[in-house]
Amino acid sequence: MSIVIEQPVEARLVAAAPRMPSIPATLHYDRRDPFAVRMTFPAPATLEGVEVCWTFSRELLAAGQKSAEGHGDVRVRPYGYDRTVLEFHAPEGTAVVHVRSSEIRRFLEATSDLVPVGLEHLQLDLDHGLAELMRDAC
């Protein structure tokens, strides 16, 4: 059984121009980091010309399907029929993208099949993590 889920999605960048260009993005989930999801934008789709990756909680992505959620760098909210808005806030500015809610729901279902919601803690290797922290303490 795979421990990683990657799902390409079509994101629409919300800009000042009337046309919202479509940009590729990928949603990632790794069972070894069971509380987090990542959304990656390839280099050609970014202003800096480098790949950009945002990491945020799976819970935030799920809750944002029903109501506006998030108070930090990443905010998620439903928008109209079958659209979800993701806002990414950085010192350089804010990027706002629309993604089909059905694509996000399909991704969340796949992550839930891999690691059921509420059982994420069973995937954590706390002994290994603690050993890594303590390795240089002596």
N, C-alpha and C. Protein backbone atom coordinates (compact mmCIF):
# COMPACT_ATOMS: atom_id res chain seq x y z
N MET A 1 0.84 -1.19 0.00
CA MET A 1 0.00 0.00 0.00
C MET A 1 0.88 1.25 0.00
N SER A 2 0.53 2.16 -0.84
CA SER A 2 1.29 3.41 -0.95
C SER A 2 1.17 4.24 0.33
N ILE A 3 2.21 5.00 0.61
CA ILE A 3 2.14 5.87 1.78
C ILE A 3 1.99 7.34 1.37
N VAL A 4 1.98 7.60 0.05
CA VAL A 4 1.87 8.97 -0.45
C VAL A 4 0.76 9.05 -1.48
N ILE A 5 -0.01 10.12 -1.41
CA ILE A 5 -1.04 10.40 -2.41
C ILE A 5 -0.67 11.71 -3.07
N GLU A 6 -0.66 11.72 -4.40
CA GLU A 6 -0.45 12.94 -5.16
C GLU A 6 -1.58 13.06 -6.16
N GLN A 7 -2.22 14.21 -6.17
CA GLN A 7 -3.33 14.42 -7.08
C GLN A 7 -3.18 15.76 -7.79
N PRO A 8 -3.02 15.74 -9.10
CA PRO A 8 -2.99 17.01 -9.84
C PRO A 8 -4.36 17.67 -9.79
N VAL A 9 -4.38 18.98 -9.67
CA VAL A 9 -5.63 19.74 -9.71
C VAL A 9 -5.43 20.94 -10.62
N GLU A 10 -6.52 21.44 -11.13
CA GLU A 10 -6.47 22.67 -11.94
C GLU A 10 -6.88 23.82 -11.03
N ALA A 11 -5.99 24.75 -10.86
CA ALA A 11 -6.26 25.93 -10.03
C ALA A 11 -6.44 27.13 -10.95
N ARG A 12 -7.32 28.00 -10.57
CA ARG A 12 -7.51 29.24 -11.32
C ARG A 12 -7.04 30.39 -10.45
N LEU A 13 -6.05 31.09 -10.93
CA LEU A 13 -5.48 32.21 -10.20
C LEU A 13 -6.41 33.41 -10.31
N VAL A 14 -6.79 33.98 -9.17
CA VAL A 14 -7.63 35.16 -9.15
C VAL A 14 -6.70 36.36 -9.22
N ALA A 15 -6.86 37.16 -10.25
CA ALA A 15 -5.98 38.31 -10.46
C ALA A 15 -6.84 39.54 -10.76
N ALA A 16 -6.19 40.67 -10.90
CA ALA A 16 -6.91 41.90 -11.21
C ALA A 16 -7.51 41.85 -12.61
N ALA A 17 -6.89 41.09 -13.50
CA ALA A 17 -7.41 40.99 -14.86
C ALA A 17 -8.71 40.19 -14.86
N PRO A 18 -9.60 40.45 -15.80
CA PRO A 18 -10.88 39.74 -15.82
C PRO A 18 -10.74 38.24 -16.04
N ARG A 19 -9.75 37.83 -16.79
CA ARG A 19 -9.56 36.40 -17.06
C ARG A 19 -8.74 35.77 -15.94
N MET A 20 -9.20 34.64 -15.46
CA MET A 20 -8.48 33.91 -14.43
C MET A 20 -7.72 32.77 -15.09
N PRO A 21 -6.41 32.90 -15.25
CA PRO A 21 -5.65 31.84 -15.93
C PRO A 21 -5.63 30.55 -15.11
N SER A 22 -5.64 29.44 -15.81
CA SER A 22 -5.55 28.14 -15.17
C SER A 22 -4.09 27.80 -14.95
N ILE A 23 -3.78 27.31 -13.77
CA ILE A 23 -2.41 26.89 -13.47
C ILE A 23 -2.45 25.48 -12.88
N PRO A 24 -1.46 24.69 -13.20
CA PRO A 24 -1.43 23.34 -12.61
C PRO A 24 -0.97 23.43 -11.16
N ALA A 25 -1.47 22.53 -10.37
CA ALA A 25 -1.04 22.42 -8.98
C ALA A 25 -1.17 20.95 -8.60
N THR A 26 -0.51 20.57 -7.53
CA THR A 26 -0.60 19.19 -7.07
C THR A 26 -0.85 19.19 -5.57
N LEU A 27 -1.84 18.40 -5.16
CA LEU A 27 -2.08 18.17 -3.74
C LEU A 27 -1.32 16.91 -3.34
N HIS A 28 -0.64 16.95 -2.20
CA HIS A 28 0.17 15.84 -1.71
C HIS A 28 -0.28 15.48 -0.29
N TYR A 29 -0.25 14.20 0.00
CA TYR A 29 -0.48 13.72 1.36
C TYR A 29 0.48 12.57 1.60
N ASP A 30 1.15 12.59 2.74
CA ASP A 30 2.12 11.56 3.09
C ASP A 30 1.74 11.00 4.46
N ARG A 31 1.54 9.70 4.51
CA ARG A 31 1.13 9.04 5.75
C ARG A 31 2.13 9.27 6.88
N ARG A 32 3.40 9.56 6.53
CA ARG A 32 4.42 9.80 7.57
C ARG A 32 4.24 11.16 8.24
N ASP A 33 3.46 12.05 7.62
CA ASP A 33 3.13 13.37 8.19
C ASP A 33 1.60 13.49 8.13
N PRO A 34 0.90 12.71 8.96
CA PRO A 34 -0.52 12.46 8.76
C PRO A 34 -1.47 13.63 9.00
N PHE A 35 -1.01 14.69 9.62
CA PHE A 35 -1.89 15.82 9.87
C PHE A 35 -1.82 16.87 8.76
N ALA A 36 -0.85 16.75 7.87
CA ALA A 36 -0.56 17.81 6.90
C ALA A 36 -0.89 17.41 5.46
N VAL A 37 -1.20 18.42 4.67
CA VAL A 37 -1.27 18.28 3.21
C VAL A 37 -0.37 19.36 2.64
N ARG A 38 0.06 19.15 1.40
CA ARG A 38 0.86 20.16 0.71
C ARG A 38 0.20 20.47 -0.62
N MET A 39 0.32 21.71 -1.03
CA MET A 39 -0.12 22.11 -2.36
C MET A 39 1.08 22.74 -3.04
N THR A 40 1.45 22.17 -4.17
CA THR A 40 2.65 22.59 -4.88
C THR A 40 2.28 23.21 -6.22
N PHE A 41 2.92 24.33 -6.51
CA PHE A 41 2.76 25.02 -7.79
C PHE A 41 4.10 24.94 -8.51
N PRO A 42 4.12 24.49 -9.77
CA PRO A 42 5.39 24.34 -10.49
C PRO A 42 6.01 25.70 -10.82
N ALA A 43 7.31 25.68 -11.06
CA ALA A 43 8.06 26.92 -11.32
C ALA A 43 7.45 27.81 -12.39
N PRO A 44 7.01 27.29 -13.53
CA PRO A 44 6.46 28.19 -14.56
C PRO A 44 5.18 28.92 -14.12
N ALA A 45 4.53 28.42 -13.08
CA ALA A 45 3.28 29.03 -12.63
C ALA A 45 3.49 30.09 -11.55
N THR A 46 4.74 30.33 -11.14
CA THR A 46 5.00 31.27 -10.05
C THR A 46 5.72 32.51 -10.56
N LEU A 47 5.57 33.59 -9.82
CA LEU A 47 6.22 34.84 -10.20
C LEU A 47 7.74 34.74 -10.08
N GLU A 48 8.22 33.96 -9.10
CA GLU A 48 9.66 33.85 -8.86
C GLU A 48 10.34 32.87 -9.81
N GLY A 49 9.55 32.05 -10.51
CA GLY A 49 10.12 31.07 -11.41
C GLY A 49 10.71 29.86 -10.71
N VAL A 50 10.29 29.62 -9.46
CA VAL A 50 10.71 28.44 -8.71
C VAL A 50 9.47 27.74 -8.18
N GLU A 51 9.59 26.44 -7.97
CA GLU A 51 8.47 25.70 -7.41
C GLU A 51 8.11 26.27 -6.03
N VAL A 52 6.82 26.40 -5.77
CA VAL A 52 6.34 26.90 -4.49
C VAL A 52 5.46 25.83 -3.86
N CYS A 53 5.72 25.53 -2.59
CA CYS A 53 4.97 24.51 -1.87
C CYS A 53 4.44 25.08 -0.57
N TRP A 54 3.16 24.93 -0.35
CA TRP A 54 2.52 25.37 0.90
C TRP A 54 2.08 24.13 1.67
N THR A 55 2.37 24.09 2.96
CA THR A 55 1.97 22.99 3.82
C THR A 55 0.98 23.53 4.84
N PHE A 56 -0.13 22.81 4.99
CA PHE A 56 -1.17 23.21 5.94
C PHE A 56 -1.93 21.97 6.38
N SER A 57 -2.82 22.11 7.32
CA SER A 57 -3.46 20.94 7.90
C SER A 57 -4.56 20.37 7.01
N ARG A 58 -4.65 19.06 7.03
CA ARG A 58 -5.73 18.36 6.32
C ARG A 58 -7.07 18.80 6.89
N GLU A 59 -7.11 19.02 8.20
CA GLU A 59 -8.33 19.46 8.86
C GLU A 59 -8.80 20.81 8.31
N LEU A 60 -7.86 21.74 8.06
CA LEU A 60 -8.20 23.04 7.50
C LEU A 60 -8.81 22.89 6.11
N LEU A 61 -8.21 22.05 5.28
CA LEU A 61 -8.72 21.84 3.93
C LEU A 61 -10.14 21.25 3.97
N ALA A 62 -10.37 20.32 4.87
CA ALA A 62 -11.70 19.70 4.99
C ALA A 62 -12.73 20.69 5.53
N ALA A 63 -12.37 21.41 6.59
CA ALA A 63 -13.31 22.37 7.19
C ALA A 63 -13.64 23.50 6.23
N GLY A 64 -12.68 23.89 5.40
CA GLY A 64 -12.89 24.97 4.44
C GLY A 64 -13.84 24.62 3.32
N GLN A 65 -14.25 23.37 3.24
CA GLN A 65 -15.26 22.97 2.25
C GLN A 65 -16.65 23.42 2.67
N LYS A 66 -16.82 23.67 3.97
CA LYS A 66 -18.16 24.01 4.50
C LYS A 66 -18.29 25.47 4.90
N SER A 67 -17.20 26.06 5.38
CA SER A 67 -17.25 27.46 5.83
C SER A 67 -15.84 28.05 5.76
N ALA A 68 -15.77 29.36 5.87
CA ALA A 68 -14.47 30.05 5.84
C ALA A 68 -13.65 29.62 7.05
N GLU A 69 -12.43 29.16 6.80
CA GLU A 69 -11.55 28.67 7.86
C GLU A 69 -10.15 29.22 7.66
N GLY A 70 -9.43 29.35 8.76
CA GLY A 70 -8.03 29.77 8.71
C GLY A 70 -7.87 31.21 9.12
N HIS A 71 -6.82 31.47 9.89
CA HIS A 71 -6.51 32.82 10.34
C HIS A 71 -5.05 33.18 10.11
N GLY A 72 -4.32 32.28 9.51
CA GLY A 72 -2.89 32.50 9.32
C GLY A 72 -2.52 32.66 7.87
N ASP A 73 -1.46 31.97 7.48
CA ASP A 73 -0.93 32.09 6.12
C ASP A 73 -1.82 31.42 5.07
N VAL A 74 -2.60 30.42 5.48
CA VAL A 74 -3.46 29.72 4.54
C VAL A 74 -4.90 29.82 5.04
N ARG A 75 -5.79 30.21 4.12
CA ARG A 75 -7.22 30.32 4.44
C ARG A 75 -7.99 29.61 3.34
N VAL A 76 -9.08 28.94 3.73
CA VAL A 76 -9.86 28.14 2.79
C VAL A 76 -11.34 28.45 3.01
N ARG A 77 -12.09 28.55 1.89
CA ARG A 77 -13.53 28.79 2.02
C ARG A 77 -14.24 28.29 0.77
N PRO A 78 -15.51 27.90 0.93
CA PRO A 78 -16.29 27.52 -0.25
C PRO A 78 -16.65 28.76 -1.05
N TYR A 79 -16.88 28.56 -2.36
CA TYR A 79 -17.25 29.68 -3.22
C TYR A 79 -18.19 29.17 -4.30
N GLY A 80 -19.44 29.57 -4.22
CA GLY A 80 -20.40 29.16 -5.23
C GLY A 80 -20.56 27.65 -5.29
N TYR A 81 -21.01 27.20 -6.44
CA TYR A 81 -21.21 25.77 -6.63
C TYR A 81 -19.92 25.12 -7.09
N ASP A 82 -19.44 24.18 -6.33
CA ASP A 82 -18.27 23.36 -6.64
C ASP A 82 -16.97 24.13 -6.83
N ARG A 83 -16.78 25.18 -6.06
CA ARG A 83 -15.49 25.88 -6.06
C ARG A 83 -15.04 26.07 -4.62
N THR A 84 -13.75 25.97 -4.43
CA THR A 84 -13.14 26.26 -3.14
C THR A 84 -12.06 27.30 -3.38
N VAL A 85 -12.01 28.29 -2.51
CA VAL A 85 -11.00 29.34 -2.60
C VAL A 85 -9.91 29.03 -1.58
N LEU A 86 -8.67 29.06 -2.02
CA LEU A 86 -7.53 28.94 -1.13
C LEU A 86 -6.74 30.23 -1.24
N GLU A 87 -6.46 30.83 -0.10
CA GLU A 87 -5.65 32.06 -0.04
C GLU A 87 -4.33 31.72 0.62
N PHE A 88 -3.24 32.13 -0.03
CA PHE A 88 -1.90 31.91 0.50
C PHE A 88 -1.28 33.27 0.77
N HIS A 89 -1.05 33.57 2.05
CA HIS A 89 -0.52 34.87 2.46
C HIS A 89 0.97 34.77 2.78
N ALA A 90 1.75 35.63 2.13
CA ALA A 90 3.20 35.67 2.35
C ALA A 90 3.62 37.13 2.43
N PRO A 91 4.81 37.41 2.95
CA PRO A 91 5.27 38.81 3.00
C PRO A 91 5.28 39.48 1.62
N GLU A 92 5.50 38.69 0.56
CA GLU A 92 5.54 39.25 -0.80
C GLU A 92 4.16 39.58 -1.34
N GLY A 93 3.12 39.04 -0.73
CA GLY A 93 1.77 39.29 -1.21
C GLY A 93 0.87 38.10 -0.97
N THR A 94 -0.32 38.16 -1.54
CA THR A 94 -1.31 37.11 -1.35
C THR A 94 -1.67 36.51 -2.70
N ALA A 95 -1.70 35.19 -2.76
CA ALA A 95 -2.16 34.48 -3.95
C ALA A 95 -3.51 33.86 -3.61
N VAL A 96 -4.46 34.04 -4.48
CA VAL A 96 -5.80 33.48 -4.29
C VAL A 96 -6.10 32.58 -5.48
N VAL A 97 -6.44 31.32 -5.20
CA VAL A 97 -6.75 30.38 -6.28
C VAL A 97 -8.10 29.72 -6.01
N HIS A 98 -8.78 29.38 -7.10
CA HIS A 98 -10.01 28.59 -7.05
C HIS A 98 -9.68 27.18 -7.51
N VAL A 99 -10.21 26.19 -6.82
CA VAL A 99 -10.05 24.79 -7.20
C VAL A 99 -11.43 24.16 -7.14
N ARG A 100 -11.71 23.23 -8.04
CA ARG A 100 -13.00 22.53 -7.98
C ARG A 100 -13.12 21.79 -6.65
N SER A 101 -14.20 22.02 -5.96
CA SER A 101 -14.42 21.35 -4.67
C SER A 101 -14.46 19.84 -4.84
N SER A 102 -15.00 19.37 -5.97
CA SER A 102 -15.07 17.93 -6.20
C SER A 102 -13.67 17.31 -6.25
N GLU A 103 -12.68 18.04 -6.79
CA GLU A 103 -11.31 17.53 -6.82
C GLU A 103 -10.74 17.46 -5.40
N ILE A 104 -11.04 18.46 -4.60
CA ILE A 104 -10.56 18.47 -3.22
C ILE A 104 -11.24 17.36 -2.42
N ARG A 105 -12.54 17.18 -2.61
CA ARG A 105 -13.25 16.11 -1.89
C ARG A 105 -12.68 14.73 -2.27
N ARG A 106 -12.39 14.53 -3.54
CA ARG A 106 -11.81 13.26 -3.99
C ARG A 106 -10.44 13.04 -3.32
N PHE A 107 -9.64 14.09 -3.25
CA PHE A 107 -8.34 14.02 -2.59
C PHE A 107 -8.51 13.68 -1.11
N LEU A 108 -9.42 14.38 -0.44
CA LEU A 108 -9.63 14.14 1.00
C LEU A 108 -10.14 12.73 1.25
N GLU A 109 -10.98 12.21 0.37
CA GLU A 109 -11.45 10.83 0.53
C GLU A 109 -10.30 9.84 0.40
N ALA A 110 -9.39 10.10 -0.55
CA ALA A 110 -8.24 9.22 -0.71
C ALA A 110 -7.33 9.28 0.51
N THR A 111 -7.14 10.47 1.08
CA THR A 111 -6.31 10.58 2.28
C THR A 111 -6.96 9.86 3.45
N SER A 112 -8.27 9.96 3.53
CA SER A 112 -9.01 9.29 4.60
C SER A 112 -8.95 7.77 4.47
N ASP A 113 -8.94 7.28 3.23
CA ASP A 113 -8.79 5.84 3.03
C ASP A 113 -7.41 5.38 3.50
N LEU A 114 -6.40 6.22 3.29
CA LEU A 114 -5.04 5.90 3.69
C LEU A 114 -4.86 6.02 5.20
N VAL A 115 -5.32 7.15 5.77
CA VAL A 115 -5.25 7.39 7.21
C VAL A 115 -6.59 8.00 7.63
N PRO A 116 -7.43 7.21 8.29
CA PRO A 116 -8.74 7.74 8.70
C PRO A 116 -8.60 8.95 9.62
N VAL A 117 -9.50 9.92 9.43
CA VAL A 117 -9.51 11.11 10.28
C VAL A 117 -9.73 10.67 11.72
N GLY A 118 -8.94 11.20 12.61
CA GLY A 118 -9.02 10.85 14.03
C GLY A 118 -8.01 9.78 14.43
N LEU A 119 -7.41 9.12 13.44
CA LEU A 119 -6.42 8.08 13.74
C LEU A 119 -5.03 8.46 13.26
N GLU A 120 -4.83 9.73 12.97
CA GLU A 120 -3.52 10.20 12.49
C GLU A 120 -2.41 9.89 13.48
N HIS A 121 -2.71 10.00 14.77
CA HIS A 121 -1.69 9.79 15.80
C HIS A 121 -1.07 8.40 15.74
N LEU A 122 -1.79 7.43 15.18
CA LEU A 122 -1.26 6.07 15.09
C LEU A 122 -0.15 5.95 14.06
N GLN A 123 -0.02 6.94 13.18
CA GLN A 123 1.02 6.93 12.15
C GLN A 123 2.33 7.54 12.63
N LEU A 124 2.29 8.25 13.75
CA LEU A 124 3.48 8.95 14.22
C LEU A 124 4.43 8.00 14.91
N ASP A 125 5.70 8.11 14.60
CA ASP A 125 6.75 7.33 15.25
C ASP A 125 7.38 8.23 16.31
N LEU A 126 6.73 8.32 17.46
CA LEU A 126 7.17 9.23 18.51
C LEU A 126 8.53 8.84 19.08
N ASP A 127 8.80 7.55 19.17
CA ASP A 127 10.11 7.13 19.70
C ASP A 127 11.23 7.60 18.79
N HIS A 128 11.05 7.45 17.49
CA HIS A 128 12.07 7.90 16.53
C HIS A 128 12.22 9.41 16.59
N GLY A 129 11.11 10.13 16.64
CA GLY A 129 11.15 11.59 16.71
C GLY A 129 11.85 12.08 17.96
N LEU A 130 11.56 11.47 19.08
CA LEU A 130 12.20 11.84 20.33
C LEU A 130 13.70 11.51 20.30
N ALA A 131 14.03 10.37 19.73
CA ALA A 131 15.45 9.99 19.62
C ALA A 131 16.21 11.00 18.76
N GLU A 132 15.59 11.48 17.67
CA GLU A 132 16.23 12.48 16.82
C GLU A 132 16.45 13.79 17.58
N LEU A 133 15.48 14.18 18.38
CA LEU A 133 15.62 15.42 19.16
C LEU A 133 16.71 15.30 20.22
N MET A 134 16.81 14.14 20.83
CA MET A 134 17.75 13.95 21.94
C MET A 134 19.15 13.55 21.47
N ARG A 135 19.31 13.19 20.19
CA ARG A 135 20.57 12.67 19.67
C ARG A 135 21.74 13.61 19.97
N ASP A 136 21.56 14.89 19.79
CA ASP A 136 22.66 15.85 20.00
C ASP A 136 22.64 16.48 21.37
N ALA A 137 21.77 16.04 22.25
CA ALA A 137 21.64 16.67 23.57
C ALA A 137 22.74 16.23 24.54
N CYS A 138 23.35 15.10 24.30
CA CYS A 138 24.38 14.57 25.23
C CYS A 138 25.73 15.16 24.98
